[in-house]
C-alpha atoms as a PDB file:
ATOM      1  CA  UNK A   1      19.608 -16.373 -40.446  1.00  0.00           C
ATOM      2  CA  UNK A   2      15.850 -17.580 -40.502  1.00  0.00           C
ATOM      3  CA  UNK A   3      16.234 -19.361 -37.421  1.00  0.00           C
ATOM      4  CA  UNK A   4      17.436 -16.459 -35.867  1.00  0.00           C
ATOM      5  CA  UNK A   5      14.276 -14.138 -36.615  1.00  0.00           C
ATOM      6  CA  UNK A   6      12.487 -17.348 -35.405  1.00  0.00           C
ATOM      7  CA  UNK A   7      14.345 -16.704 -31.766  1.00  0.00           C
ATOM      8  CA  UNK A   8      13.953 -13.378 -31.673  1.00  0.00           C
ATOM      9  CA  UNK A   9      10.093 -13.556 -32.842  1.00  0.00           C
ATOM     10  CA  UNK A  10       9.523 -15.635 -30.054  1.00  0.00           C
ATOM     11  CA  UNK A  11      10.933 -13.702 -27.422  1.00  0.00           C
ATOM     12  CA  UNK A  12       8.662 -14.460 -24.154  1.00  0.00           C
ATOM     13  CA  UNK A  13       6.420 -11.593 -22.975  1.00  0.00           C
ATOM     14  CA  UNK A  14       6.284  -9.937 -19.571  1.00  0.00           C
ATOM     15  CA  UNK A  15       3.862 -12.369 -18.506  1.00  0.00           C
ATOM     16  CA  UNK A  16       5.405 -15.329 -19.352  1.00  0.00           C
ATOM     17  CA  UNK A  17       9.143 -13.982 -17.622  1.00  0.00           C
ATOM     18  CA  UNK A  18       6.793 -13.193 -14.026  1.00  0.00           C
ATOM     19  CA  UNK A  19       5.134 -16.699 -14.219  1.00  0.00           C
ATOM     20  CA  UNK A  20       8.388 -18.438 -14.851  1.00  0.00           C
ATOM     21  CA  UNK A  21      10.083 -17.348 -12.112  1.00  0.00           C
ATOM     22  CA  UNK A  22       7.304 -18.272 -10.366  1.00  0.00           C
ATOM     23  CA  UNK A  23       6.938 -21.054 -11.468  1.00  0.00           C
ATOM     24  CA  UNK A  24       3.246 -20.998 -12.554  1.00  0.00           C
ATOM     25  CA  UNK A  25       1.946 -21.205 -15.639  1.00  0.00           C
ATOM     26  CA  UNK A  26       0.898 -17.545 -17.521  1.00  0.00           C
ATOM     27  CA  UNK A  27      -2.229 -18.261 -17.108  1.00  0.00           C
ATOM     28  CA  UNK A  28      -2.730 -18.905 -13.296  1.00  0.00           C
ATOM     29  CA  UNK A  29      -0.068 -16.521 -12.830  1.00  0.00           C
ATOM     30  CA  UNK A  30      -2.621 -13.506 -14.275  1.00  0.00           C
ATOM     31  CA  UNK A  31      -5.660 -14.714 -12.314  1.00  0.00           C
ATOM     32  CA  UNK A  32      -3.759 -14.961  -9.074  1.00  0.00           C
ATOM     33  CA  UNK A  33      -2.103 -11.303  -9.542  1.00  0.00           C
ATOM     34  CA  UNK A  34      -5.785 -10.016 -10.512  1.00  0.00           C
ATOM     35  CA  UNK A  35      -7.331 -11.831  -6.882  1.00  0.00           C
ATOM     36  CA  UNK A  36      -4.259 -11.117  -4.697  1.00  0.00           C
ATOM     37  CA  UNK A  37      -1.895  -8.426  -5.825  1.00  0.00           C
ATOM     38  CA  UNK A  38      -3.515  -5.630  -8.130  1.00  0.00           C
ATOM     39  CA  UNK A  39      -6.168  -3.914  -5.464  1.00  0.00           C
ATOM     40  CA  UNK A  40      -9.020  -2.602  -7.542  1.00  0.00           C
ATOM     41  CA  UNK A  41      -9.240   1.476  -7.156  1.00  0.00           C
ATOM     42  CA  UNK A  42     -11.403   3.334  -4.709  1.00  0.00           C
ATOM     43  CA  UNK A  43     -14.400   3.811  -7.326  1.00  0.00           C
ATOM     44  CA  UNK A  44     -14.364  -0.320  -7.666  1.00  0.00           C
ATOM     45  CA  UNK A  45     -12.480  -0.053 -11.210  1.00  0.00           C
ATOM     46  CA  UNK A  46     -10.535  -3.666 -11.620  1.00  0.00           C
ATOM     47  CA  UNK A  47      -7.338  -3.275 -13.757  1.00  0.00           C
ATOM     48  CA  UNK A  48      -7.039  -4.503 -17.317  1.00  0.00           C
ATOM     49  CA  UNK A  49      -4.986  -6.888 -18.537  1.00  0.00           C
ATOM     50  CA  UNK A  50      -2.712  -4.389 -20.285  1.00  0.00           C
ATOM     51  CA  UNK A  51      -2.356  -2.435 -17.066  1.00  0.00           C
ATOM     52  CA  UNK A  52      -1.398  -5.494 -14.855  1.00  0.00           C
ATOM     53  CA  UNK A  53       1.013  -5.934 -17.691  1.00  0.00           C
ATOM     54  CA  UNK A  54       2.394  -2.757 -16.756  1.00  0.00           C
ATOM     55  CA  UNK A  55       2.460  -3.249 -13.031  1.00  0.00           C
ATOM     56  CA  UNK A  56       4.945  -6.543 -13.506  1.00  0.00           C
ATOM     57  CA  UNK A  57       6.851  -4.597 -16.237  1.00  0.00           C
ATOM     58  CA  UNK A  58       8.270  -2.318 -13.007  1.00  0.00           C
ATOM     59  CA  UNK A  59       8.151  -5.053 -10.745  1.00  0.00           C
ATOM     60  CA  UNK A  60      10.709  -6.826 -13.311  1.00  0.00           C
ATOM     61  CA  UNK A  61      12.459  -3.704 -13.930  1.00  0.00           C
ATOM     62  CA  UNK A  62      13.106  -3.421  -9.926  1.00  0.00           C
ATOM     63  CA  UNK A  63      13.197  -7.430  -9.375  1.00  0.00           C
ATOM     64  CA  UNK A  64      10.333  -6.925  -6.637  1.00  0.00           C
ATOM     65  CA  UNK A  65       8.414  -9.587  -5.625  1.00  0.00           C
ATOM     66  CA  UNK A  66       5.073  -9.002  -5.668  1.00  0.00           C
ATOM     67  CA  UNK A  67       4.029 -11.986  -3.426  1.00  0.00           C
ATOM     68  CA  UNK A  68       5.901 -10.807  -0.732  1.00  0.00           C
ATOM     69  CA  UNK A  69       4.388  -7.398  -0.670  1.00  0.00           C
ATOM     70  CA  UNK A  70       7.644  -5.919  -2.110  1.00  0.00           C
ATOM     71  CA  UNK A  71       5.379  -4.047  -5.060  1.00  0.00           C
ATOM     72  CA  UNK A  72       1.410  -3.713  -5.257  1.00  0.00           C
ATOM     73  CA  UNK A  73      -0.885  -1.408  -7.798  1.00  0.00           C
ATOM     74  CA  UNK A  74      -4.153   0.463  -7.896  1.00  0.00           C
ATOM     75  CA  UNK A  75      -5.455   0.734 -11.015  1.00  0.00           C
ATOM     76  CA  UNK A  76      -6.244   4.480 -11.478  1.00  0.00           C
ATOM     77  CA  UNK A  77      -9.000   6.597 -12.085  1.00  0.00           C
ATOM     78  CA  UNK A  78      -7.293   8.214 -15.138  1.00  0.00           C
ATOM     79  CA  UNK A  79      -5.942   5.286 -16.855  1.00  0.00           C
ATOM     80  CA  UNK A  80      -2.998   3.352 -16.311  1.00  0.00           C
ATOM     81  CA  UNK A  81      -1.255   2.154 -12.955  1.00  0.00           C
ATOM     82  CA  UNK A  82      -0.544   3.390  -9.318  1.00  0.00           C
ATOM     83  CA  UNK A  83       2.899   0.884  -8.742  1.00  0.00           C
ATOM     84  CA  UNK A  84       3.216   1.386  -4.975  1.00  0.00           C
ATOM     85  CA  UNK A  85       6.638  -0.115  -3.022  1.00  0.00           C
ATOM     86  CA  UNK A  86       7.007  -0.159   0.461  1.00  0.00           C
ATOM     87  CA  UNK A  87       9.884   0.452   2.680  1.00  0.00           C
ATOM     88  CA  UNK A  88      10.848  -3.232   2.344  1.00  0.00           C
ATOM     89  CA  UNK A  89      10.842  -2.889  -1.329  1.00  0.00           C
ATOM     90  CA  UNK A  90      12.718   0.349  -1.130  1.00  0.00           C
ATOM     91  CA  UNK A  91      15.809  -1.503   1.349  1.00  0.00           C
ATOM     92  CA  UNK A  92      16.059  -3.975  -0.952  1.00  0.00           C
ATOM     93  CA  UNK A  93      16.280  -2.038  -3.888  1.00  0.00           C
ATOM     94  CA  UNK A  94      18.999  -0.537  -2.218  1.00  0.00           C
ATOM     95  CA  UNK A  95      20.888  -3.303  -0.921  1.00  0.00           C
ATOM     96  CA  UNK A  96      20.949  -5.256  -4.328  1.00  0.00           C
ATOM     97  CA  UNK A  97      22.770  -2.175  -5.868  1.00  0.00           C
ATOM     98  CA  UNK A  98      25.994  -2.632  -6.944  1.00  0.00           C
ATOM     99  CA  UNK A  99      27.534   0.757  -5.498  1.00  0.00           C
ATOM    100  CA  UNK A 100      25.385   0.719  -1.977  1.00  0.00           C
ATOM    101  CA  UNK A 101      28.737   1.209   0.500  1.00  0.00           C
ATOM    102  CA  UNK A 102      26.401   1.529   3.626  1.00  0.00           C
ATOM    103  CA  UNK A 103      24.025   3.875   5.145  1.00  0.00           C
ATOM    104  CA  UNK A 104      23.691   5.902   8.656  1.00  0.00           C
ATOM    105  CA  UNK A 105      20.606   7.030  10.296  1.00  0.00           C
ATOM    106  CA  UNK A 106      20.794  10.220  13.111  1.00  0.00           C
ATOM    107  CA  UNK A 107      17.791  12.082  14.490  1.00  0.00           C
ATOM    108  CA  UNK A 108      17.281  15.090  15.466  1.00  0.00           C
ATOM    109  CA  UNK A 109      18.091  15.557  19.300  1.00  0.00           C
ATOM    110  CA  UNK A 110      15.038  18.183  19.481  1.00  0.00           C
ATOM    111  CA  UNK A 111      11.327  16.067  19.862  1.00  0.00           C
ATOM    112  CA  UNK A 112       7.865  16.866  18.974  1.00  0.00           C
ATOM    113  CA  UNK A 113       4.569  15.843  19.480  1.00  0.00           C
ATOM    114  CA  UNK A 114       1.982  16.313  16.284  1.00  0.00           C
ATOM    115  CA  UNK A 115      -1.877  16.077  15.744  1.00  0.00           C
ATOM    116  CA  UNK A 116      -1.991  12.356  18.681  1.00  0.00           C
ATOM    117  CA  UNK A 117       0.853  10.648  17.825  1.00  0.00           C
ATOM    118  CA  UNK A 118       4.289  10.009  20.083  1.00  0.00           C
ATOM    119  CA  UNK A 119       6.819  11.920  20.780  1.00  0.00           C
ATOM    120  CA  UNK A 120       9.592  11.799  18.116  1.00  0.00           C
ATOM    121  CA  UNK A 121      12.361  13.868  17.114  1.00  0.00           C
ATOM    122  CA  UNK A 122      12.153  16.560  14.816  1.00  0.00           C
ATOM    123  CA  UNK A 123      13.536  15.840  11.943  1.00  0.00           C
ATOM    124  CA  UNK A 124      15.562  12.327  10.446  1.00  0.00           C
ATOM    125  CA  UNK A 125      18.812  12.329   8.511  1.00  0.00           C
ATOM    126  CA  UNK A 126      20.056   9.128   6.356  1.00  0.00           C
ATOM    127  CA  UNK A 127      23.349   9.223   4.565  1.00  0.00           C
ATOM    128  CA  UNK A 128      23.903   6.569   2.002  1.00  0.00           C
ATOM    129  CA  UNK A 129      27.680   5.951   1.212  1.00  0.00           C
ATOM    130  CA  UNK A 130      28.302   4.814  -2.679  1.00  0.00           C
ATOM    131  CA  UNK A 131      31.395   3.042  -3.985  1.00  0.00           C
ATOM    132  CA  UNK A 132      33.884   5.295  -5.698  1.00  0.00           C
ATOM    133  CA  UNK A 133      32.281   8.351  -4.065  1.00  0.00           C
ATOM    134  CA  UNK A 134      34.079  10.336  -1.570  1.00  0.00           C
ATOM    135  CA  UNK A 135      31.062  12.125   0.119  1.00  0.00           C
ATOM    136  CA  UNK A 136      27.578  10.548   1.405  1.00  0.00           C
ATOM    137  CA  UNK A 137      24.477  11.504  -0.044  1.00  0.00           C
ATOM    138  CA  UNK A 138      22.682  13.229   2.488  1.00  0.00           C
ATOM    139  CA  UNK A 139      18.693  13.045   2.914  1.00  0.00           C
ATOM    140  CA  UNK A 140      17.128  15.160   5.550  1.00  0.00           C
ATOM    141  CA  UNK A 141      13.480  14.757   6.183  1.00  0.00           C
ATOM    142  CA  UNK A 142      10.718  16.803   8.619  1.00  0.00           C
ATOM    143  CA  UNK A 143       8.063  15.292  10.572  1.00  0.00           C
ATOM    144  CA  UNK A 144       5.604  18.317  10.423  1.00  0.00           C
ATOM    145  CA  UNK A 145       6.321  17.603   5.991  1.00  0.00           C
ATOM    146  CA  UNK A 146       5.568  13.969   5.548  1.00  0.00           C
ATOM    147  CA  UNK A 147       3.009  13.397   8.599  1.00  0.00           C
ATOM    148  CA  UNK A 148       0.278  11.948   7.957  1.00  0.00           C
ATOM    149  CA  UNK A 149      -2.993  12.914  10.140  1.00  0.00           C
ATOM    150  CA  UNK A 150      -5.610  10.114  11.293  1.00  0.00           C
ATOM    151  CA  UNK A 151      -8.346   8.569   8.730  1.00  0.00           C
ATOM    152  CA  UNK A 152     -11.642   8.506   9.519  1.00  0.00           C
ATOM    153  CA  UNK A 153     -10.437   8.737  13.451  1.00  0.00           C
ATOM    154  CA  UNK A 154      -9.003   5.805  13.662  1.00  0.00           C
ATOM    155  CA  UNK A 155      -5.010   5.377  14.350  1.00  0.00           C
ATOM    156  CA  UNK A 156      -2.636   4.251  12.182  1.00  0.00           C
ATOM    157  CA  UNK A 157       1.444   3.543  11.971  1.00  0.00           C
ATOM    158  CA  UNK A 158       1.858   7.374  12.010  1.00  0.00           C
ATOM    159  CA  UNK A 159       0.044   7.249  14.898  1.00  0.00           C
ATOM    160  CA  UNK A 160       1.314   4.514  16.875  1.00  0.00           C
ATOM    161  CA  UNK A 161       5.047   4.567  15.275  1.00  0.00           C
ATOM    162  CA  UNK A 162       5.857   7.720  14.478  1.00  0.00           C
ATOM    163  CA  UNK A 163       9.550   7.264  14.792  1.00  0.00           C
ATOM    164  CA  UNK A 164       9.413   4.380  12.824  1.00  0.00           C
ATOM    165  CA  UNK A 165       7.185   5.862  10.140  1.00  0.00           C
ATOM    166  CA  UNK A 166       9.458   8.926   9.748  1.00  0.00           C
ATOM    167  CA  UNK A 167      12.838   6.755  10.218  1.00  0.00           C
ATOM    168  CA  UNK A 168      11.167   4.971   6.855  1.00  0.00           C
ATOM    169  CA  UNK A 169      10.465   7.745   4.811  1.00  0.00           C
ATOM    170  CA  UNK A 170      13.443   8.777   5.033  1.00  0.00           C
ATOM    171  CA  UNK A 171      15.601   5.899   4.148  1.00  0.00           C
ATOM    172  CA  UNK A 172      12.881   5.471   1.184  1.00  0.00           C
ATOM    173  CA  UNK A 173      13.861   9.782  -0.303  1.00  0.00           C
ATOM    174  CA  UNK A 174      17.153   8.665   0.605  1.00  0.00           C
ATOM    175  CA  UNK A 175      17.407   5.853  -2.087  1.00  0.00           C
ATOM    176  CA  UNK A 176      15.311   7.248  -4.554  1.00  0.00           C
ATOM    177  CA  UNK A 177      18.106  10.294  -4.678  1.00  0.00           C
ATOM    178  CA  UNK A 178      21.155   7.641  -4.311  1.00  0.00           C
ATOM    179  CA  UNK A 179      19.930   5.673  -6.927  1.00  0.00           C
ATOM    180  CA  UNK A 180      17.452   7.339  -9.103  1.00  0.00           C
ATOM    181  CA  UNK A 181      14.534   5.225  -8.272  1.00  0.00           C
ATOM    182  CA  UNK A 182      11.349   6.995 -10.497  1.00  0.00           C
ATOM    183  CA  UNK A 183       7.657   5.938 -11.583  1.00  0.00           C
ATOM    184  CA  UNK A 184       6.934   4.495  -8.220  1.00  0.00           C
ATOM    185  CA  UNK A 185       5.277   5.991  -4.872  1.00  0.00           C
ATOM    186  CA  UNK A 186       5.532   4.687  -1.529  1.00  0.00           C
ATOM    187  CA  UNK A 187       1.947   4.385   0.450  1.00  0.00           C
ATOM    188  CA  UNK A 188       1.294   7.698   1.841  1.00  0.00           C
ATOM    189  CA  UNK A 189       1.657   9.499  -1.785  1.00  0.00           C
ATOM    190  CA  UNK A 190      -0.142   6.661  -3.607  1.00  0.00           C
ATOM    191  CA  UNK A 191      -3.154   7.134  -1.164  1.00  0.00           C
ATOM    192  CA  UNK A 192      -2.330  10.913  -1.653  1.00  0.00           C
ATOM    193  CA  UNK A 193      -2.897  10.180  -5.544  1.00  0.00           C
ATOM    194  CA  UNK A 194      -6.240   8.026  -4.547  1.00  0.00           C
ATOM    195  CA  UNK A 195      -8.317  10.168  -2.813  1.00  0.00           C
ATOM    196  CA  UNK A 196      -7.477  12.852  -5.054  1.00  0.00           C
ATOM    197  CA  UNK A 197      -9.465  10.945  -8.052  1.00  0.00           C
ATOM    198  CA  UNK A 198     -12.201  10.569  -6.137  1.00  0.00           C
ATOM    199  CA  UNK A 199     -13.027  13.857  -4.505  1.00  0.00           C
ATOM    200  CA  UNK A 200     -15.732  14.050  -7.506  1.00  0.00           C
ATOM    201  CA  UNK A 201     -18.128  11.743  -8.030  1.00  0.00           C
ATOM    202  CA  UNK A 202     -17.851   8.887 -10.211  1.00  0.00           C
ATOM    203  CA  UNK A 203     -21.090   9.114 -11.839  1.00  0.00           C
ATOM    204  CA  UNK A 204     -23.170  12.692 -12.853  1.00  0.00           C
ATOM    205  CA  UNK A 205     -26.116  10.788 -12.036  1.00  0.00           C
ATOM    206  CA  UNK A 206     -27.832  13.332  -8.891  1.00  0.00           C
ATOM    207  CA  UNK A 207     -27.979  10.970  -5.872  1.00  0.00           C
ATOM    208  CA  UNK A 208     -31.079  11.346  -5.077  1.00  0.00           C
ATOM    209  CA  UNK A 209     -33.348  10.262  -7.870  1.00  0.00           C
ATOM    210  CA  UNK A 210     -36.202  11.242  -8.708  1.00  0.00           C
ATOM    211  CA  UNK A 211     -38.998   8.886  -9.339  1.00  0.00           C
ATOM    212  CA  UNK A 212     -41.315   8.213 -12.444  1.00  0.00           C
ATOM    213  CA  UNK A 213     -44.046   7.632 -10.243  1.00  0.00           C
ATOM    214  CA  UNK A 214     -45.421   7.754  -7.018  1.00  0.00           C
ATOM    215  CA  UNK A 215     -44.887   4.399  -5.389  1.00  0.00           C
ATOM    216  CA  UNK A 216     -47.635   2.743  -3.116  1.00  0.00           C
ATOM    217  CA  UNK A 217     -46.089   3.309   0.287  1.00  0.00           C
ATOM    218  CA  UNK A 218     -43.935   6.326   0.139  1.00  0.00           C
ATOM    219  CA  UNK A 219     -43.047   6.381   3.586  1.00  0.00           C
ATOM    220  CA  UNK A 220     -40.830   3.243   3.115  1.00  0.00           C
ATOM    221  CA  UNK A 221     -39.025   5.363   0.382  1.00  0.00           C
ATOM    222  CA  UNK A 222     -38.067   7.849   2.195  1.00  0.00           C
ATOM    223  CA  UNK A 223     -37.426   6.895   5.441  1.00  0.00           C
ATOM    224  CA  UNK A 224     -33.824   5.912   5.177  1.00  0.00           C
ATOM    225  CA  UNK A 225     -31.195   8.363   3.764  1.00  0.00           C
ATOM    226  CA  UNK A 226     -28.431   5.861   4.381  1.00  0.00           C
ATOM    227  CA  UNK A 227     -26.263   4.658   1.614  1.00  0.00           C
ATOM    228  CA  UNK A 228     -26.318   1.234   0.695  1.00  0.00           C
ATOM    229  CA  UNK A 229     -24.028  -1.422   2.524  1.00  0.00           C
ATOM    230  CA  UNK A 230     -21.680  -1.954  -0.430  1.00  0.00           C
ATOM    231  CA  UNK A 231     -20.349   1.196  -1.026  1.00  0.00           C
ATOM    232  CA  UNK A 232     -19.036   0.959   3.045  1.00  0.00           C
ATOM    233  CA  UNK A 233     -17.743  -2.399   2.445  1.00  0.00           C
ATOM    234  CA  UNK A 234     -16.195  -2.775  -1.038  1.00  0.00           C
ATOM    235  CA  UNK A 235     -12.793  -4.151  -1.288  1.00  0.00           C
ATOM    236  CA  UNK A 236     -12.164  -6.744   1.457  1.00  0.00           C
ATOM    237  CA  UNK A 237      -8.844  -8.720   1.730  1.00  0.00           C
ATOM    238  CA  UNK A 238      -8.084 -12.061   0.624  1.00  0.00           C
ATOM    239  CA  UNK A 239      -8.154 -15.138   2.382  1.00  0.00           C
ATOM    240  CA  UNK A 240      -4.899 -15.302   1.959  1.00  0.00           C
ATOM    241  CA  UNK A 241      -4.064 -11.977   3.327  1.00  0.00           C
ATOM    242  CA  UNK A 242      -6.212 -12.646   6.414  1.00  0.00           C
ATOM    243  CA  UNK A 243      -3.945 -15.571   7.075  1.00  0.00           C
ATOM    244  CA  UNK A 244      -1.280 -13.279   6.714  1.00  0.00           C
ATOM    245  CA  UNK A 245      -2.543 -10.544   9.093  1.00  0.00           C
ATOM    246  CA  UNK A 246      -3.234 -13.688  12.100  1.00  0.00           C
ATOM    247  CA  UNK A 247       0.220 -14.998  11.406  1.00  0.00           C
ATOM    248  CA  UNK A 248       1.403 -11.723  12.419  1.00  0.00           C
ATOM    249  CA  UNK A 249      -0.215 -10.625  15.111  1.00  0.00           C
ATOM    250  CA  UNK A 250      -0.518 -13.989  17.393  1.00  0.00           C
ATOM    251  CA  UNK A 251       3.151 -14.142  17.653  1.00  0.00           C
ATOM    252  CA  UNK A 252       2.829 -11.006  19.202  1.00  0.00           C
ATOM    253  CA  UNK A 253       0.727 -12.353  21.904  1.00  0.00           C
ATOM    254  CA  UNK A 254      -2.372 -11.430  20.132  1.00  0.00           C
ATOM    255  CA  UNK A 255      -5.470 -13.924  20.950  1.00  0.00           C
ATOM    256  CA  UNK A 256      -8.406 -13.922  18.226  1.00  0.00           C
ATOM    257  CA  UNK A 257     -10.231 -12.500  20.599  1.00  0.00           C
ATOM    258  CA  UNK A 258      -7.666  -9.708  21.216  1.00  0.00           C
ATOM    259  CA  UNK A 259      -8.063  -8.833  17.860  1.00  0.00           C
ATOM    260  CA  UNK A 260     -11.672  -9.099  17.169  1.00  0.00           C
ATOM    261  CA  UNK A 261     -11.712  -7.096  20.126  1.00  0.00           C
ATOM    262  CA  UNK A 262      -9.088  -4.369  19.329  1.00  0.00           C
ATOM    263  CA  UNK A 263     -10.373  -4.319  15.477  1.00  0.00           C
ATOM    264  CA  UNK A 264     -13.948  -3.673  17.099  1.00  0.00           C
ATOM    265  CA  UNK A 265     -13.068  -1.329  19.387  1.00  0.00           C
ATOM    266  CA  UNK A 266     -10.245   0.655  18.085  1.00  0.00           C
ATOM    267  CA  UNK A 267     -11.265   0.809  14.057  1.00  0.00           C
ATOM    268  CA  UNK A 268     -15.177  -0.299  13.727  1.00  0.00           C
ATOM    269  CA  UNK A 269     -14.338  -3.610  12.041  1.00  0.00           C
ATOM    270  CA  UNK A 270     -16.574  -6.313  12.888  1.00  0.00           C
ATOM    271  CA  UNK A 271     -13.971  -9.011  12.142  1.00  0.00           C
ATOM    272  CA  UNK A 272     -10.254  -9.570  10.402  1.00  0.00           C
ATOM    273  CA  UNK A 273     -12.369 -10.467   7.233  1.00  0.00           C
ATOM    274  CA  UNK A 274     -14.091  -6.732   6.960  1.00  0.00           C
ATOM    275  CA  UNK A 275     -10.624  -5.764   6.588  1.00  0.00           C
ATOM    276  CA  UNK A 276     -10.771  -3.561   3.914  1.00  0.00           C
ATOM    277  CA  UNK A 277      -7.542  -3.380   1.658  1.00  0.00           C
ATOM    278  CA  UNK A 278      -6.618   0.034   1.158  1.00  0.00           C
ATOM    279  CA  UNK A 279      -6.945   0.090   4.989  1.00  0.00           C
ATOM    280  CA  UNK A 280      -4.565  -3.307   5.335  1.00  0.00           C
ATOM    281  CA  UNK A 281      -1.456  -2.225   5.655  1.00  0.00           C
ATOM    282  CA  UNK A 282      -1.693   0.527   8.503  1.00  0.00           C
ATOM    283  CA  UNK A 283      -3.922  -2.528  10.526  1.00  0.00           C
ATOM    284  CA  UNK A 284      -0.872  -4.486  10.477  1.00  0.00           C
ATOM    285  CA  UNK A 285       1.553  -2.104  11.655  1.00  0.00           C
ATOM    286  CA  UNK A 286      -0.548  -1.602  14.476  1.00  0.00           C
ATOM    287  CA  UNK A 287      -0.409  -5.480  15.608  1.00  0.00           C
ATOM    288  CA  UNK A 288       3.208  -5.813  14.697  1.00  0.00           C
ATOM    289  CA  UNK A 289       3.912  -4.266  18.235  1.00  0.00           C
ATOM    290  CA  UNK A 290       3.468  -6.959  20.823  1.00  0.00           C
ATOM    291  CA  UNK A 291       0.942  -6.797  22.867  1.00  0.00           C
ATOM    292  CA  UNK A 292       0.819  -5.145  26.470  1.00  0.00           C
ATOM    293  CA  UNK A 293       1.024  -7.210  29.621  1.00  0.00           C
ATOM    294  CA  UNK A 294      -2.509  -6.564  31.531  1.00  0.00           C
ATOM    295  CA  UNK A 295      -1.183  -5.035  35.155  1.00  0.00           C
END
């Protein structure tokens, strides 16, 4: 009886469970998650160990792999985390569900074009069939309701791969309804949550500090009104993400010079190392399309 109580008391925690799945020690696993997976919030806040534990609980519940980008998370300014699952993660959950019995995808014959995007069907419909249920779960999503406009003047996946993104959005929503998937967000939803949290300044201090005493050269103090450089580039991607980016782009016909030119001309980014974490997924989608050969 005493041995049974001791066994129950030594039940492994979530960090140990997830570390074991990846053949890592708990300490190494935690440090790896902090440096590569748990992205800082747009206010620069780093996730606490407790928030990382909450993230791992969600990943373990849905059997999603953080290291293949099936799930990642942002620390919320309001506390807690915003767990984000891309289409690969949702498709993995759908296919692994024992009740899943197939899927049909249908597009509208009516096409439309909005906000600089490519021509696209007005809606996409997904039917998910479940074992033991006679009628399928049917979900239809309309382009004008789910479309995300360009950010910062630069085209994103909704502009370059409009039909694909509409299909992905519909699959995600259909999977949620068919299998009761809750507590996680797709990338578009997560971005809206994070952006809504930074509509007010993090600090209550005025943006221009009132000096306590006049400096000897006031002209130098007032000649520049540009914000500090660190505000513009505060959250670059990791070295591992840079390598993954090149591994995706090069097989599609892009040389290093091509990549540098596209980043500079289309996105205003000097090099791959300067890509920000919150822009990473959109930019990767841009380079998943094979390079068009010059005429």
